[in-house]
C-alpha atoms as a PDB file:
ATOM      1  CA  UNK A   1       0.173   0.186  -0.258  1.00  0.00           C
ATOM      2  CA  UNK A   2       2.905   2.385   0.972  1.00  0.00           C
ATOM      3  CA  UNK A   3       4.557   1.981  -2.224  1.00  0.00           C
ATOM      4  CA  UNK A   4       1.384   2.476  -4.281  1.00  0.00           C
ATOM      5  CA  UNK A   5       1.030   5.848  -2.596  1.00  0.00           C
ATOM      6  CA  UNK A   6       4.744   6.076  -2.925  1.00  0.00           C
ATOM      7  CA  UNK A   7       4.358   5.375  -6.642  1.00  0.00           C
ATOM      8  CA  UNK A   8       1.499   7.722  -7.179  1.00  0.00           C
ATOM      9  CA  UNK A   9       2.699  11.000  -5.401  1.00  0.00           C
ATOM     10  CA  UNK A  10       6.028  10.491  -7.242  1.00  0.00           C
ATOM     11  CA  UNK A  11       3.997  10.064 -10.610  1.00  0.00           C
ATOM     12  CA  UNK A  12       1.333  13.066 -10.172  1.00  0.00           C
ATOM     13  CA  UNK A  13       4.621  15.397  -9.767  1.00  0.00           C
ATOM     14  CA  UNK A  14       6.548  14.387 -12.570  1.00  0.00           C
ATOM     15  CA  UNK A  15       2.808  15.051 -14.604  1.00  0.00           C
ATOM     16  CA  UNK A  16       2.945  18.225 -12.708  1.00  0.00           C
ATOM     17  CA  UNK A  17       6.721  19.255 -13.847  1.00  0.00           C
ATOM     18  CA  UNK A  18       6.113  18.566 -17.129  1.00  0.00           C
ATOM     19  CA  UNK A  19       3.176  20.820 -17.374  1.00  0.00           C
ATOM     20  CA  UNK A  20       3.900  23.005 -20.243  1.00  0.00           C
ATOM     21  CA  UNK A  21       2.526  25.687 -18.458  1.00  0.00           C
ATOM     22  CA  UNK A  22       4.700  25.464 -15.365  1.00  0.00           C
ATOM     23  CA  UNK A  23       8.063  25.697 -16.886  1.00  0.00           C
ATOM     24  CA  UNK A  24       7.625  27.916 -20.242  1.00  0.00           C
ATOM     25  CA  UNK A  25       9.645  30.595 -18.607  1.00  0.00           C
ATOM     26  CA  UNK A  26      12.182  28.313 -17.051  1.00  0.00           C
ATOM     27  CA  UNK A  27      12.940  25.880 -19.418  1.00  0.00           C
ATOM     28  CA  UNK A  28      15.475  26.159 -22.382  1.00  0.00           C
ATOM     29  CA  UNK A  29      15.437  24.094 -25.341  1.00  0.00           C
ATOM     30  CA  UNK A  30      19.053  23.003 -26.223  1.00  0.00           C
ATOM     31  CA  UNK A  31      19.700  22.937 -30.280  1.00  0.00           C
ATOM     32  CA  UNK A  32      22.070  19.952 -31.739  1.00  0.00           C
ATOM     33  CA  UNK A  33      25.968  20.058 -30.469  1.00  0.00           C
ATOM     34  CA  UNK A  34      24.970  23.983 -28.267  1.00  0.00           C
ATOM     35  CA  UNK A  35      25.967  24.268 -24.750  1.00  0.00           C
ATOM     36  CA  UNK A  36      25.211  26.928 -22.034  1.00  0.00           C
ATOM     37  CA  UNK A  37      28.332  28.809 -20.756  1.00  0.00           C
ATOM     38  CA  UNK A  38      29.831  27.073 -18.234  1.00  0.00           C
ATOM     39  CA  UNK A  39      30.659  28.255 -14.256  1.00  0.00           C
ATOM     40  CA  UNK A  40      33.758  25.519 -14.235  1.00  0.00           C
ATOM     41  CA  UNK A  41      35.138  26.751 -17.526  1.00  0.00           C
ATOM     42  CA  UNK A  42      34.573  30.431 -16.909  1.00  0.00           C
ATOM     43  CA  UNK A  43      37.033  29.794 -13.570  1.00  0.00           C
ATOM     44  CA  UNK A  44      39.123  28.580 -15.357  1.00  0.00           C
ATOM     45  CA  UNK A  45      39.502  31.302 -17.561  1.00  0.00           C
ATOM     46  CA  UNK A  46      39.199  33.896 -15.157  1.00  0.00           C
ATOM     47  CA  UNK A  47      42.197  32.061 -13.634  1.00  0.00           C
ATOM     48  CA  UNK A  48      44.476  32.289 -17.246  1.00  0.00           C
ATOM     49  CA  UNK A  49      43.483  35.877 -16.852  1.00  0.00           C
ATOM     50  CA  UNK A  50      45.104  36.545 -13.245  1.00  0.00           C
ATOM     51  CA  UNK A  51      47.906  34.155 -14.246  1.00  0.00           C
ATOM     52  CA  UNK A  52      48.384  36.140 -17.492  1.00  0.00           C
ATOM     53  CA  UNK A  53      47.878  39.588 -15.530  1.00  0.00           C
ATOM     54  CA  UNK A  54      49.932  38.759 -12.474  1.00  0.00           C
ATOM     55  CA  UNK A  55      52.717  36.343 -13.453  1.00  0.00           C
ATOM     56  CA  UNK A  56      53.954  34.706 -10.349  1.00  0.00           C
ATOM     57  CA  UNK A  57      51.135  35.554  -7.878  1.00  0.00           C
ATOM     58  CA  UNK A  58      48.860  33.207  -9.841  1.00  0.00           C
ATOM     59  CA  UNK A  59      49.588  29.888 -12.598  1.00  0.00           C
ATOM     60  CA  UNK A  60      53.180  28.864 -12.810  1.00  0.00           C
ATOM     61  CA  UNK A  61      55.130  29.745  -9.621  1.00  0.00           C
ATOM     62  CA  UNK A  62      58.258  28.788 -11.639  1.00  0.00           C
ATOM     63  CA  UNK A  63      57.947  31.512 -14.238  1.00  0.00           C
ATOM     64  CA  UNK A  64      61.105  33.681 -14.370  1.00  0.00           C
ATOM     65  CA  UNK A  65      61.882  37.148 -16.536  1.00  0.00           C
ATOM     66  CA  UNK A  66      63.226  34.344 -18.440  1.00  0.00           C
ATOM     67  CA  UNK A  67      60.554  32.409 -19.034  1.00  0.00           C
ATOM     68  CA  UNK A  68      57.546  34.231 -18.889  1.00  0.00           C
ATOM     69  CA  UNK A  69      57.527  34.960 -22.620  1.00  0.00           C
ATOM     70  CA  UNK A  70      56.711  30.949 -22.814  1.00  0.00           C
ATOM     71  CA  UNK A  71      54.486  30.776 -20.091  1.00  0.00           C
ATOM     72  CA  UNK A  72      52.601  34.220 -21.271  1.00  0.00           C
ATOM     73  CA  UNK A  73      52.384  32.237 -24.790  1.00  0.00           C
ATOM     74  CA  UNK A  74      50.970  28.957 -23.466  1.00  0.00           C
ATOM     75  CA  UNK A  75      47.955  30.420 -21.515  1.00  0.00           C
ATOM     76  CA  UNK A  76      47.114  33.469 -23.862  1.00  0.00           C
ATOM     77  CA  UNK A  77      46.458  30.775 -26.248  1.00  0.00           C
ATOM     78  CA  UNK A  78      44.528  28.254 -24.392  1.00  0.00           C
ATOM     79  CA  UNK A  79      42.447  31.172 -23.124  1.00  0.00           C
ATOM     80  CA  UNK A  80      41.649  32.066 -26.661  1.00  0.00           C
ATOM     81  CA  UNK A  81      40.469  28.437 -27.288  1.00  0.00           C
ATOM     82  CA  UNK A  82      38.105  28.441 -23.957  1.00  0.00           C
ATOM     83  CA  UNK A  83      37.094  31.684 -24.487  1.00  0.00           C
ATOM     84  CA  UNK A  84      35.913  31.642 -27.862  1.00  0.00           C
ATOM     85  CA  UNK A  85      33.803  28.812 -26.697  1.00  0.00           C
ATOM     86  CA  UNK A  86      32.343  29.898 -24.162  1.00  0.00           C
ATOM     87  CA  UNK A  87      31.631  33.367 -25.971  1.00  0.00           C
ATOM     88  CA  UNK A  88      29.953  31.241 -28.966  1.00  0.00           C
ATOM     89  CA  UNK A  89      27.617  28.911 -25.754  1.00  0.00           C
ATOM     90  CA  UNK A  90      27.093  32.938 -24.630  1.00  0.00           C
ATOM     91  CA  UNK A  91      25.912  33.905 -28.382  1.00  0.00           C
ATOM     92  CA  UNK A  92      23.396  30.626 -28.998  1.00  0.00           C
ATOM     93  CA  UNK A  93      21.840  30.695 -26.260  1.00  0.00           C
ATOM     94  CA  UNK A  94      21.287  34.558 -26.273  1.00  0.00           C
ATOM     95  CA  UNK A  95      19.750  34.583 -29.315  1.00  0.00           C
ATOM     96  CA  UNK A  96      16.930  32.048 -30.267  1.00  0.00           C
ATOM     97  CA  UNK A  97      16.763  33.566 -33.562  1.00  0.00           C
ATOM     98  CA  UNK A  98      20.052  32.028 -34.605  1.00  0.00           C
ATOM     99  CA  UNK A  99      18.868  28.258 -34.893  1.00  0.00           C
ATOM    100  CA  UNK A 100      19.323  28.491 -38.970  1.00  0.00           C
ATOM    101  CA  UNK A 101      22.543  30.092 -38.512  1.00  0.00           C
ATOM    102  CA  UNK A 102      25.850  28.319 -39.616  1.00  0.00           C
ATOM    103  CA  UNK A 103      28.051  27.473 -37.120  1.00  0.00           C
ATOM    104  CA  UNK A 104      30.823  28.825 -38.695  1.00  0.00           C
ATOM    105  CA  UNK A 105      30.011  32.622 -38.681  1.00  0.00           C
ATOM    106  CA  UNK A 106      28.866  32.375 -35.107  1.00  0.00           C
ATOM    107  CA  UNK A 107      32.310  30.685 -34.387  1.00  0.00           C
ATOM    108  CA  UNK A 108      34.272  33.487 -36.066  1.00  0.00           C
ATOM    109  CA  UNK A 109      32.550  36.264 -34.521  1.00  0.00           C
ATOM    110  CA  UNK A 110      33.147  34.316 -31.378  1.00  0.00           C
ATOM    111  CA  UNK A 111      36.582  34.214 -32.052  1.00  0.00           C
ATOM    112  CA  UNK A 112      36.812  37.544 -33.395  1.00  0.00           C
ATOM    113  CA  UNK A 113      35.768  38.933 -29.934  1.00  0.00           C
ATOM    114  CA  UNK A 114      37.993  36.622 -28.169  1.00  0.00           C
ATOM    115  CA  UNK A 115      41.082  37.958 -29.862  1.00  0.00           C
ATOM    116  CA  UNK A 116      39.616  41.438 -29.319  1.00  0.00           C
ATOM    117  CA  UNK A 117      39.229  40.550 -25.585  1.00  0.00           C
ATOM    118  CA  UNK A 118      42.955  39.568 -25.301  1.00  0.00           C
ATOM    119  CA  UNK A 119      44.535  42.311 -27.392  1.00  0.00           C
ATOM    120  CA  UNK A 120      43.036  44.838 -24.202  1.00  0.00           C
ATOM    121  CA  UNK A 121      44.484  42.719 -21.509  1.00  0.00           C
ATOM    122  CA  UNK A 122      47.898  44.861 -21.396  1.00  0.00           C
ATOM    123  CA  UNK A 123      45.496  47.952 -21.008  1.00  0.00           C
ATOM    124  CA  UNK A 124      43.764  46.002 -18.235  1.00  0.00           C
ATOM    125  CA  UNK A 125      46.984  44.640 -16.509  1.00  0.00           C
ATOM    126  CA  UNK A 126      47.709  48.785 -16.547  1.00  0.00           C
ATOM    127  CA  UNK A 127      44.685  49.514 -15.295  1.00  0.00           C
ATOM    128  CA  UNK A 128      44.995  46.669 -12.304  1.00  0.00           C
ATOM    129  CA  UNK A 129      48.488  48.270 -11.884  1.00  0.00           C
ATOM    130  CA  UNK A 130      46.721  51.329 -10.470  1.00  0.00           C
ATOM    131  CA  UNK A 131      44.167  49.873  -8.675  1.00  0.00           C
ATOM    132  CA  UNK A 132      46.627  47.367  -6.605  1.00  0.00           C
ATOM    133  CA  UNK A 133      48.670  50.998  -6.140  1.00  0.00           C
ATOM    134  CA  UNK A 134      46.149  52.637  -4.824  1.00  0.00           C
ATOM    135  CA  UNK A 135      45.168  49.686  -2.163  1.00  0.00           C
ATOM    136  CA  UNK A 136      48.268  49.536  -0.862  1.00  0.00           C
ATOM    137  CA  UNK A 137      48.817  53.467  -0.208  1.00  0.00           C
ATOM    138  CA  UNK A 138      45.545  53.628   1.260  1.00  0.00           C
ATOM    139  CA  UNK A 139      45.705  50.688   3.585  1.00  0.00           C
ATOM    140  CA  UNK A 140      48.793  50.829   6.162  1.00  0.00           C
ATOM    141  CA  UNK A 141      48.332  47.507   7.570  1.00  0.00           C
ATOM    142  CA  UNK A 142      49.346  46.182   3.940  1.00  0.00           C
ATOM    143  CA  UNK A 143      52.800  44.999   4.340  1.00  0.00           C
ATOM    144  CA  UNK A 144      53.875  45.240   0.268  1.00  0.00           C
ATOM    145  CA  UNK A 145      52.210  45.888  -2.837  1.00  0.00           C
ATOM    146  CA  UNK A 146      52.285  41.781  -3.192  1.00  0.00           C
ATOM    147  CA  UNK A 147      49.914  41.234  -0.300  1.00  0.00           C
ATOM    148  CA  UNK A 148      47.904  42.877  -1.579  1.00  0.00           C
ATOM    149  CA  UNK A 149      47.470  41.495  -5.086  1.00  0.00           C
ATOM    150  CA  UNK A 150      47.946  38.089  -3.461  1.00  0.00           C
ATOM    151  CA  UNK A 151      45.253  38.548  -1.050  1.00  0.00           C
ATOM    152  CA  UNK A 152      42.821  41.240  -0.989  1.00  0.00           C
ATOM    153  CA  UNK A 153      39.436  40.710  -1.877  1.00  0.00           C
ATOM    154  CA  UNK A 154      38.863  43.869  -3.079  1.00  0.00           C
ATOM    155  CA  UNK A 155      41.424  43.853  -5.664  1.00  0.00           C
ATOM    156  CA  UNK A 156      40.498  40.027  -6.437  1.00  0.00           C
ATOM    157  CA  UNK A 157      37.132  41.442  -7.739  1.00  0.00           C
ATOM    158  CA  UNK A 158      38.424  44.519  -9.086  1.00  0.00           C
ATOM    159  CA  UNK A 159      40.024  42.208 -11.235  1.00  0.00           C
ATOM    160  CA  UNK A 160      37.122  40.031 -12.166  1.00  0.00           C
ATOM    161  CA  UNK A 161      35.056  43.675 -12.988  1.00  0.00           C
ATOM    162  CA  UNK A 162      37.959  44.516 -15.258  1.00  0.00           C
ATOM    163  CA  UNK A 163      37.683  41.491 -17.229  1.00  0.00           C
ATOM    164  CA  UNK A 164      34.105  41.225 -17.432  1.00  0.00           C
ATOM    165  CA  UNK A 165      33.696  44.642 -18.364  1.00  0.00           C
ATOM    166  CA  UNK A 166      35.951  44.622 -21.166  1.00  0.00           C
ATOM    167  CA  UNK A 167      33.814  41.698 -22.429  1.00  0.00           C
ATOM    168  CA  UNK A 168      30.492  43.560 -21.563  1.00  0.00           C
ATOM    169  CA  UNK A 169      31.654  46.351 -23.423  1.00  0.00           C
ATOM    170  CA  UNK A 170      31.921  43.417 -26.484  1.00  0.00           C
ATOM    171  CA  UNK A 171      28.723  42.956 -25.829  1.00  0.00           C
ATOM    172  CA  UNK A 172      29.584  39.180 -25.078  1.00  0.00           C
ATOM    173  CA  UNK A 173      26.185  38.007 -23.464  1.00  0.00           C
ATOM    174  CA  UNK A 174      25.780  36.566 -20.060  1.00  0.00           C
ATOM    175  CA  UNK A 175      29.782  35.601 -19.235  1.00  0.00           C
ATOM    176  CA  UNK A 176      30.051  39.038 -17.916  1.00  0.00           C
ATOM    177  CA  UNK A 177      27.690  38.891 -15.013  1.00  0.00           C
ATOM    178  CA  UNK A 178      28.657  35.251 -14.295  1.00  0.00           C
ATOM    179  CA  UNK A 179      32.328  35.884 -13.958  1.00  0.00           C
ATOM    180  CA  UNK A 180      31.536  39.059 -11.354  1.00  0.00           C
ATOM    181  CA  UNK A 181      29.353  36.931  -9.709  1.00  0.00           C
ATOM    182  CA  UNK A 182      31.783  34.474  -9.028  1.00  0.00           C
ATOM    183  CA  UNK A 183      33.852  37.316  -7.274  1.00  0.00           C
ATOM    184  CA  UNK A 184      30.015  38.482  -5.508  1.00  0.00           C
ATOM    185  CA  UNK A 185      30.469  34.517  -4.354  1.00  0.00           C
ATOM    186  CA  UNK A 186      33.998  34.771  -3.354  1.00  0.00           C
ATOM    187  CA  UNK A 187      34.281  38.295  -1.645  1.00  0.00           C
ATOM    188  CA  UNK A 188      30.744  39.626  -1.240  1.00  0.00           C
ATOM    189  CA  UNK A 189      31.393  42.453  -3.437  1.00  0.00           C
ATOM    190  CA  UNK A 190      29.107  42.592  -5.930  1.00  0.00           C
ATOM    191  CA  UNK A 191      29.844  44.882  -9.057  1.00  0.00           C
ATOM    192  CA  UNK A 192      27.779  44.654 -11.993  1.00  0.00           C
ATOM    193  CA  UNK A 193      30.007  44.578 -15.298  1.00  0.00           C
ATOM    194  CA  UNK A 194      28.571  47.236 -16.611  1.00  0.00           C
ATOM    195  CA  UNK A 195      29.703  49.816 -13.928  1.00  0.00           C
ATOM    196  CA  UNK A 196      32.084  52.491 -15.591  1.00  0.00           C
ATOM    197  CA  UNK A 197      35.020  52.615 -13.484  1.00  0.00           C
ATOM    198  CA  UNK A 198      38.359  54.844 -13.422  1.00  0.00           C
ATOM    199  CA  UNK A 199      42.164  54.430 -12.652  1.00  0.00           C
ATOM    200  CA  UNK A 200      43.467  54.096  -8.985  1.00  0.00           C
ATOM    201  CA  UNK A 201      40.044  52.454  -7.847  1.00  0.00           C
ATOM    202  CA  UNK A 202      40.319  50.528  -4.272  1.00  0.00           C
ATOM    203  CA  UNK A 203      37.753  48.740  -1.967  1.00  0.00           C
ATOM    204  CA  UNK A 204      39.091  48.262   1.541  1.00  0.00           C
ATOM    205  CA  UNK A 205      37.483  45.384   3.226  1.00  0.00           C
ATOM    206  CA  UNK A 206      34.347  45.215   0.861  1.00  0.00           C
ATOM    207  CA  UNK A 207      32.152  42.629   2.527  1.00  0.00           C
ATOM    208  CA  UNK A 208      28.682  44.300   0.888  1.00  0.00           C
ATOM    209  CA  UNK A 209      29.875  46.799  -1.602  1.00  0.00           C
ATOM    210  CA  UNK A 210      27.502  47.102  -4.110  1.00  0.00           C
ATOM    211  CA  UNK A 211      28.081  49.085  -7.217  1.00  0.00           C
ATOM    212  CA  UNK A 212      24.973  49.277  -9.846  1.00  0.00           C
ATOM    213  CA  UNK A 213      24.639  48.783 -13.320  1.00  0.00           C
ATOM    214  CA  UNK A 214      24.641  52.111 -14.719  1.00  0.00           C
ATOM    215  CA  UNK A 215      27.160  53.609 -11.785  1.00  0.00           C
ATOM    216  CA  UNK A 216      30.153  56.211 -13.038  1.00  0.00           C
ATOM    217  CA  UNK A 217      32.785  55.811 -10.592  1.00  0.00           C
ATOM    218  CA  UNK A 218      35.977  58.319 -11.688  1.00  0.00           C
ATOM    219  CA  UNK A 219      39.361  58.242 -11.127  1.00  0.00           C
ATOM    220  CA  UNK A 220      41.272  57.722  -7.500  1.00  0.00           C
ATOM    221  CA  UNK A 221      37.794  56.786  -5.920  1.00  0.00           C
ATOM    222  CA  UNK A 222      37.668  54.622  -2.768  1.00  0.00           C
ATOM    223  CA  UNK A 223      35.117  52.317  -1.100  1.00  0.00           C
ATOM    224  CA  UNK A 224      34.817  50.467   2.310  1.00  0.00           C
ATOM    225  CA  UNK A 225      32.753  47.821   3.077  1.00  0.00           C
ATOM    226  CA  UNK A 226      28.999  48.133   2.701  1.00  0.00           C
ATOM    227  CA  UNK A 227      28.643  50.966   0.830  1.00  0.00           C
ATOM    228  CA  UNK A 228      25.891  50.524  -2.014  1.00  0.00           C
ATOM    229  CA  UNK A 229      25.816  52.487  -5.269  1.00  0.00           C
ATOM    230  CA  UNK A 230      21.782  52.047  -5.857  1.00  0.00           C
ATOM    231  CA  UNK A 231      19.526  52.119  -8.620  1.00  0.00           C
ATOM    232  CA  UNK A 232      16.523  54.521  -8.080  1.00  0.00           C
ATOM    233  CA  UNK A 233      13.498  52.889  -8.403  1.00  0.00           C
ATOM    234  CA  UNK A 234      11.798  53.761 -11.515  1.00  0.00           C
ATOM    235  CA  UNK A 235       7.945  53.505 -12.149  1.00  0.00           C
ATOM    236  CA  UNK A 236       6.899  50.686 -14.669  1.00  0.00           C
ATOM    237  CA  UNK A 237       6.342  51.732 -18.157  1.00  0.00           C
ATOM    238  CA  UNK A 238       2.589  51.193 -19.760  1.00  0.00           C
ATOM    239  CA  UNK A 239       2.701  47.609 -19.656  1.00  0.00           C
ATOM    240  CA  UNK A 240       3.282  47.435 -16.298  1.00  0.00           C
ATOM    241  CA  UNK A 241       7.153  46.077 -16.938  1.00  0.00           C
ATOM    242  CA  UNK A 242      10.464  47.062 -15.525  1.00  0.00           C
ATOM    243  CA  UNK A 243      12.086  49.858 -17.597  1.00  0.00           C
ATOM    244  CA  UNK A 244      15.348  48.994 -18.798  1.00  0.00           C
ATOM    245  CA  UNK A 245      18.712  50.638 -20.488  1.00  0.00           C
ATOM    246  CA  UNK A 246      18.083  54.050 -17.879  1.00  0.00           C
ATOM    247  CA  UNK A 247      21.307  55.412 -16.149  1.00  0.00           C
ATOM    248  CA  UNK A 248      19.634  55.222 -12.724  1.00  0.00           C
ATOM    249  CA  UNK A 249      22.877  54.819 -10.590  1.00  0.00           C
ATOM    250  CA  UNK A 250      25.154  57.599  -8.907  1.00  0.00           C
ATOM    251  CA  UNK A 251      27.925  59.180 -10.821  1.00  0.00           C
ATOM    252  CA  UNK A 252      30.964  59.646  -8.212  1.00  0.00           C
ATOM    253  CA  UNK A 253      33.367  62.340  -8.997  1.00  0.00           C
ATOM    254  CA  UNK A 254      37.294  62.042  -9.039  1.00  0.00           C
ATOM    255  CA  UNK A 255      39.223  61.953  -5.525  1.00  0.00           C
ATOM    256  CA  UNK A 256      35.988  61.145  -3.288  1.00  0.00           C
ATOM    257  CA  UNK A 257      35.949  58.616  -0.698  1.00  0.00           C
ATOM    258  CA  UNK A 258      32.854  56.392   0.601  1.00  0.00           C
ATOM    259  CA  UNK A 259      32.800  54.899   3.816  1.00  0.00           C
ATOM    260  CA  UNK A 260      31.056  52.032   5.385  1.00  0.00           C
ATOM    261  CA  UNK A 261      27.573  51.285   5.389  1.00  0.00           C
ATOM    262  CA  UNK A 262      26.960  54.531   3.487  1.00  0.00           C
ATOM    263  CA  UNK A 263      24.045  54.073   0.559  1.00  0.00           C
ATOM    264  CA  UNK A 264      23.883  56.615  -2.437  1.00  0.00           C
ATOM    265  CA  UNK A 265      20.952  56.233  -4.624  1.00  0.00           C
ATOM    266  CA  UNK A 266      19.656  57.147  -7.582  1.00  0.00           C
ATOM    267  CA  UNK A 267      21.522  59.084 -10.530  1.00  0.00           C
ATOM    268  CA  UNK A 268      22.943  61.796  -8.240  1.00  0.00           C
ATOM    269  CA  UNK A 269      25.850  63.466  -8.727  1.00  0.00           C
ATOM    270  CA  UNK A 270      28.722  63.181  -5.755  1.00  0.00           C
ATOM    271  CA  UNK A 271      31.397  66.037  -6.403  1.00  0.00           C
ATOM    272  CA  UNK A 272      34.961  66.205  -6.666  1.00  0.00           C
ATOM    273  CA  UNK A 273      37.034  65.336  -3.816  1.00  0.00           C
ATOM    274  CA  UNK A 274      34.095  65.096  -1.687  1.00  0.00           C
ATOM    275  CA  UNK A 275      34.046  62.975   1.403  1.00  0.00           C
ATOM    276  CA  UNK A 276      30.796  60.804   2.448  1.00  0.00           C
ATOM    277  CA  UNK A 277      31.020  59.863   6.323  1.00  0.00           C
ATOM    278  CA  UNK A 278      29.265  55.961   7.282  1.00  0.00           C
ATOM    279  CA  UNK A 279      25.849  54.869   7.701  1.00  0.00           C
ATOM    280  CA  UNK A 280      24.635  57.836   5.814  1.00  0.00           C
ATOM    281  CA  UNK A 281      21.298  57.750   3.052  1.00  0.00           C
ATOM    282  CA  UNK A 282      22.071  60.156   0.126  1.00  0.00           C
ATOM    283  CA  UNK A 283      19.509  60.892  -2.547  1.00  0.00           C
ATOM    284  CA  UNK A 284      20.611  64.172  -3.388  1.00  0.00           C
ATOM    285  CA  UNK A 285      23.639  65.857  -5.097  1.00  0.00           C
ATOM    286  CA  UNK A 286      26.810  66.660  -2.997  1.00  0.00           C
ATOM    287  CA  UNK A 287      29.333  69.369  -4.433  1.00  0.00           C
ATOM    288  CA  UNK A 288      32.693  69.348  -4.506  1.00  0.00           C
ATOM    289  CA  UNK A 289      34.989  69.249  -1.702  1.00  0.00           C
ATOM    290  CA  UNK A 290      32.220  68.587   0.716  1.00  0.00           C
ATOM    291  CA  UNK A 291      32.002  66.494   4.063  1.00  0.00           C
ATOM    292  CA  UNK A 292      28.604  64.688   4.414  1.00  0.00           C
ATOM    293  CA  UNK A 293      28.107  63.318   7.936  1.00  0.00           C
ATOM    294  CA  UNK A 294      24.629  61.996  10.043  1.00  0.00           C
ATOM    295  CA  UNK A 295      24.941  65.433  11.458  1.00  0.00           C
ATOM    296  CA  UNK A 296      25.567  67.420   8.381  1.00  0.00           C
ATOM    297  CA  UNK A 297      22.739  65.770   7.109  1.00  0.00           C
ATOM    298  CA  UNK A 298      20.336  65.948   9.952  1.00  0.00           C
ATOM    299  CA  UNK A 299      21.374  69.981  10.587  1.00  0.00           C
ATOM    300  CA  UNK A 300      20.084  70.113   6.331  1.00  0.00           C
ATOM    301  CA  UNK A 301      16.594  68.435   6.741  1.00  0.00           C
ATOM    302  CA  UNK A 302      15.704  71.063   9.726  1.00  0.00           C
ATOM    303  CA  UNK A 303      17.003  73.761   7.931  1.00  0.00           C
ATOM    304  CA  UNK A 304      14.614  72.491   4.893  1.00  0.00           C
ATOM    305  CA  UNK A 305      11.817  71.997   7.475  1.00  0.00           C
ATOM    306  CA  UNK A 306      12.119  75.992   8.786  1.00  0.00           C
END
């Protein structure tokens, strides 16, 4: 009797789960030889990028000035092969209308994007060098730049972001977000790959820091843990759907510091050289050079009331 009931329950559940109405928005129909982008392979890709960008800190520990060309060449070739295939998978997954497209055309596009990304690696390295410098100079607890490169979660998250942002700009679907979410899982730092971030950027400690999709951050900006550059909640369109593709996050000027657990929300401007102290909520523009504290906000609100 228990066996019959067990079979009935399982069979009934299978029927419900197989009903098209229950999965129509959650189902992806594979085409021949198509695969989704792989988190496992993307981790290998990020590791290869780290080994190329920070030789000796990641990848082969035996690398030297005499062997760096060889090791870099091997890593770049491997990166190109793996990334091309993942971009191909992302392009196919994102475009359901390409079912009749020749595989060769999609593959050639994926290889072109992969090569363009690889050509950008020297520029990405130069940016990350400024980020490492800013992180080291901003933290007296750091004993040397190597500790920052190898140990600091802020630089690890920024590294993933720099890689992901380049792919995002190149129009690669899904993969940029997957790469930043890897850093999010590792560090607790959530940076959308669409954000625009200048050089000499640092995140101190970082846990809980969030940088939204349309955020624009200038040069020499420093954030602390729990800082949120949040998007304004926009009203739905005439069909009740969320409005997308609209700038709705803060614009942060050069040489700005934002201390822990502060929230900057909406498309506001934080002027150059401003300092945002901890635990404040800001939804209005901040002039250049101003120091914003909880007390100054309270005084401003009281002045408005009067």
